[in-house]
N, C-alpha and C. Protein backbone atom coordinates (compact mmCIF):
# COMPACT_ATOMS: atom_id res chain seq x y z
N MET A 1 6.44 -14.30 -10.26
CA MET A 1 5.39 -13.35 -9.48
C MET A 1 4.55 -14.00 -8.82
N VAL A 2 3.18 -14.80 -9.43
CA VAL A 2 2.36 -15.58 -9.21
C VAL A 2 3.29 -16.62 -8.51
N VAL A 3 3.96 -17.23 -8.59
CA VAL A 3 3.87 -18.30 -7.86
C VAL A 3 4.88 -18.55 -7.17
N GLY A 4 5.51 -17.14 -6.31
CA GLY A 4 6.01 -16.77 -4.86
C GLY A 4 5.34 -16.86 -4.51
N TRP A 5 4.11 -16.04 -4.44
CA TRP A 5 2.85 -15.15 -4.18
C TRP A 5 2.43 -16.91 -3.75
N ARG A 6 1.74 -17.24 -4.32
CA ARG A 6 0.74 -19.28 -3.93
C ARG A 6 1.65 -20.06 -3.02
N ASN A 7 3.23 -19.79 -3.65
CA ASN A 7 3.88 -20.09 -2.39
C ASN A 7 3.83 -19.87 -1.25
N ASN A 8 4.14 -18.97 -0.76
CA ASN A 8 4.12 -17.70 0.20
C ASN A 8 2.73 -17.92 0.25
N GLY A 9 1.91 -18.39 0.19
CA GLY A 9 -0.11 -18.29 1.10
C GLY A 9 -0.93 -17.32 0.47
N LEU A 10 -0.20 -16.19 -0.84
CA LEU A 10 -0.92 -14.79 -0.72
C LEU A 10 -1.63 -14.98 -0.91
N MET A 11 -1.32 -15.91 -2.51
CA MET A 11 -2.67 -16.32 -3.46
C MET A 11 -3.35 -18.02 -3.67
N GLU A 12 -3.84 -17.76 -3.77
CA GLU A 12 -4.91 -18.99 -4.10
C GLU A 12 -5.23 -18.89 -5.30
N ALA A 13 -5.70 -20.85 -6.62
CA ALA A 13 -6.45 -20.77 -7.75
C ALA A 13 -8.18 -21.13 -7.15
N ALA A 14 -8.55 -20.22 -7.91
CA ALA A 14 -10.06 -20.76 -7.53
C ALA A 14 -10.77 -20.83 -9.34
N ASP A 15 -10.77 -21.99 -9.70
CA ASP A 15 -11.68 -21.84 -10.79
C ASP A 15 -10.40 -21.37 -12.42
N GLY A 16 -9.71 -21.52 -12.32
CA GLY A 16 -8.64 -20.89 -12.85
C GLY A 16 -8.37 -19.86 -12.51
N VAL A 17 -8.46 -19.04 -12.36
CA VAL A 17 -8.83 -17.60 -10.66
C VAL A 17 -7.24 -17.88 -9.74
N TYR A 18 -7.06 -16.56 -10.35
CA TYR A 18 -6.35 -16.13 -8.45
C TYR A 18 -6.44 -15.00 -7.79
N LYS A 19 -6.48 -15.60 -6.65
CA LYS A 19 -7.67 -14.93 -5.60
C LYS A 19 -6.48 -14.36 -4.06
N LEU A 20 -5.97 -13.60 -4.06
CA LEU A 20 -5.28 -12.94 -3.44
C LEU A 20 -6.29 -14.11 -1.27
N THR A 21 -5.67 -14.51 -1.05
CA THR A 21 -5.87 -14.91 0.98
C THR A 21 -5.75 -13.69 1.42
N PRO A 22 -6.44 -13.81 2.37
CA PRO A 22 -6.68 -12.88 3.13
C PRO A 22 -5.29 -12.41 4.27
N MET A 23 -4.41 -13.61 4.42
CA MET A 23 -3.13 -12.77 4.49
C MET A 23 -3.15 -11.45 3.67
N GLY A 24 -2.61 -12.61 2.42
CA GLY A 24 -2.36 -11.75 0.79
C GLY A 24 -2.66 -9.95 0.35
N LEU A 25 -4.17 -9.87 0.89
CA LEU A 25 -5.01 -8.51 1.01
C LEU A 25 -4.32 -8.25 1.75
N PHE A 26 -3.83 -8.70 2.14
CA PHE A 26 -2.71 -7.67 3.63
C PHE A 26 -1.99 -6.87 3.18
N TRP A 27 -0.85 -7.84 2.91
CA TRP A 27 0.38 -8.03 2.21
C TRP A 27 0.29 -6.45 1.38
N GLN A 28 -0.66 -6.90 0.87
CA GLN A 28 -0.94 -6.26 -1.14
C GLN A 28 -1.16 -4.63 -0.07
N ASN A 29 -1.85 -4.18 0.66
CA ASN A 29 -2.52 -3.37 1.79
C ASN A 29 -1.56 -2.69 1.93
N GLN A 30 0.10 -3.39 3.27
CA GLN A 30 1.18 -3.05 3.81
C GLN A 30 1.45 -2.06 1.80
N LEU A 31 2.22 -3.07 1.05
CA LEU A 31 2.71 -2.16 -0.24
C LEU A 31 2.10 -0.76 -1.22
N ASN A 32 1.16 -1.17 -0.91
CA ASN A 32 0.42 0.01 -1.20
C ASN A 32 0.44 1.30 -0.44
N ARG A 33 0.71 0.64 0.97
CA ARG A 33 0.25 1.55 2.04
C ARG A 33 2.34 2.67 1.71
N ALA A 34 2.75 2.19 1.87
CA ALA A 34 4.17 1.76 1.37
C ALA A 34 5.14 2.86 0.89
N VAL A 35 3.96 2.34 -1.18
CA VAL A 35 4.59 3.56 -1.62
C VAL A 35 3.57 4.62 -2.26
N MET A 36 2.43 4.75 -1.50
CA MET A 36 1.84 5.93 -1.22
C MET A 36 2.86 6.65 -0.30
N ILE A 37 3.60 6.55 0.56
CA ILE A 37 3.74 7.16 1.39
C ILE A 37 5.23 7.62 0.74
N ALA A 38 5.49 6.49 -0.11
CA ALA A 38 7.82 7.24 -1.11
C ALA A 38 7.32 8.25 -1.58
N VAL A 39 6.16 7.87 -1.68
CA VAL A 39 5.83 9.17 -3.18
C VAL A 39 4.83 10.23 -3.14
N GLN A 40 4.49 10.07 -1.65
CA GLN A 40 4.78 11.58 -1.39
C GLN A 40 5.21 12.49 -0.45
N TYR A 41 6.42 11.46 -0.23
CA TYR A 41 7.49 11.75 0.34
C TYR A 41 8.29 12.44 -0.35
N LEU A 42 8.36 12.32 -2.17
CA LEU A 42 9.60 12.03 -2.79
C LEU A 42 8.86 13.83 -3.75
N VAL A 43 7.12 13.89 -3.76
CA VAL A 43 6.78 15.20 -3.60
C VAL A 43 6.30 16.79 -3.12
N TYR A 44 5.69 16.10 -2.03
CA TYR A 44 5.66 16.36 -0.77
C TYR A 44 6.82 17.10 -0.26
N GLY A 45 7.49 16.21 0.22
CA GLY A 45 8.81 16.13 1.44
C GLY A 45 7.90 15.18 2.10
N PRO A 46 9.29 15.60 4.04
CA PRO A 46 9.28 14.58 4.95
C PRO A 46 8.22 14.95 5.58
N ARG A 47 7.49 16.77 6.05
CA ARG A 47 6.65 16.91 7.28
C ARG A 47 5.69 16.68 6.80
N VAL A 48 4.84 15.93 5.19
CA VAL A 48 3.33 15.29 5.28
C VAL A 48 3.88 13.76 4.67
N ALA A 49 5.37 13.01 4.59
CA ALA A 49 4.73 11.75 4.58
C ALA A 49 4.25 10.88 6.15
N GLY A 50 5.28 11.79 7.30
CA GLY A 50 4.80 11.10 8.57
C GLY A 50 3.85 11.56 9.36
N ARG A 51 2.50 11.98 8.27
CA ARG A 51 1.38 12.33 9.14
C ARG A 51 0.57 11.46 8.89
N LYS A 52 0.12 11.01 10.27
CA LYS A 52 -0.32 10.07 11.08
C LYS A 52 -2.39 9.67 10.33
N SER A 53 -2.44 10.85 10.06
CA SER A 53 -4.02 10.72 9.48
C SER A 53 -4.21 11.23 8.53
N ALA A 54 -4.89 10.58 7.70
CA ALA A 54 -5.48 10.86 5.86
C ALA A 54 -5.54 12.40 5.06
N LEU A 55 -7.06 12.69 7.00
CA LEU A 55 -6.78 14.07 6.78
C LEU A 55 -5.51 15.28 6.49
N THR A 56 -5.59 15.33 7.48
CA THR A 56 -3.83 15.83 8.34
C THR A 56 -3.17 16.12 6.92
N MET A 57 -3.61 15.11 6.16
CA MET A 57 -1.83 14.47 5.67
C MET A 57 -2.50 14.85 4.06
N MET A 58 -3.82 14.84 4.17
CA MET A 58 -4.31 16.33 2.53
C MET A 58 -4.76 17.45 2.66
N SER A 59 -4.65 17.86 3.89
CA SER A 59 -4.49 19.32 4.32
C SER A 59 -3.17 19.98 3.90
N ALA A 60 -2.26 19.12 4.54
CA ALA A 60 -1.37 19.80 4.39
C ALA A 60 -0.46 19.42 2.28
N MET A 61 -0.47 18.41 2.15
CA MET A 61 0.06 18.98 0.60
C MET A 61 -0.81 19.57 0.13
N GLU A 62 -2.78 20.04 0.37
CA GLU A 62 -3.54 21.39 -0.07
C GLU A 62 -2.15 22.26 -0.09
N ASN A 63 -1.96 22.70 1.09
CA ASN A 63 -1.68 23.58 1.38
C ASN A 63 0.28 24.15 1.16
N ARG A 64 0.84 22.89 1.08
CA ARG A 64 1.66 22.04 0.81
C ARG A 64 3.05 23.38 1.94
N THR A 65 2.43 22.58 2.65
CA THR A 65 3.30 23.01 4.79
C THR A 65 4.40 21.56 4.90
């Protein structure tokens, strides 16, 4: 996995440690967001997963609307 990310410019080696490039940080953030939306959809259904605002999303999860 590291080799693929490095070859695509998402990671770079610095002093024997791999670090994410700015593009890699963006990609990681998008992956995390997609996973969280999928989990919210599975747990709470489409009404919560489709919310734009994190605040309204949290309120909906607390109220189970």
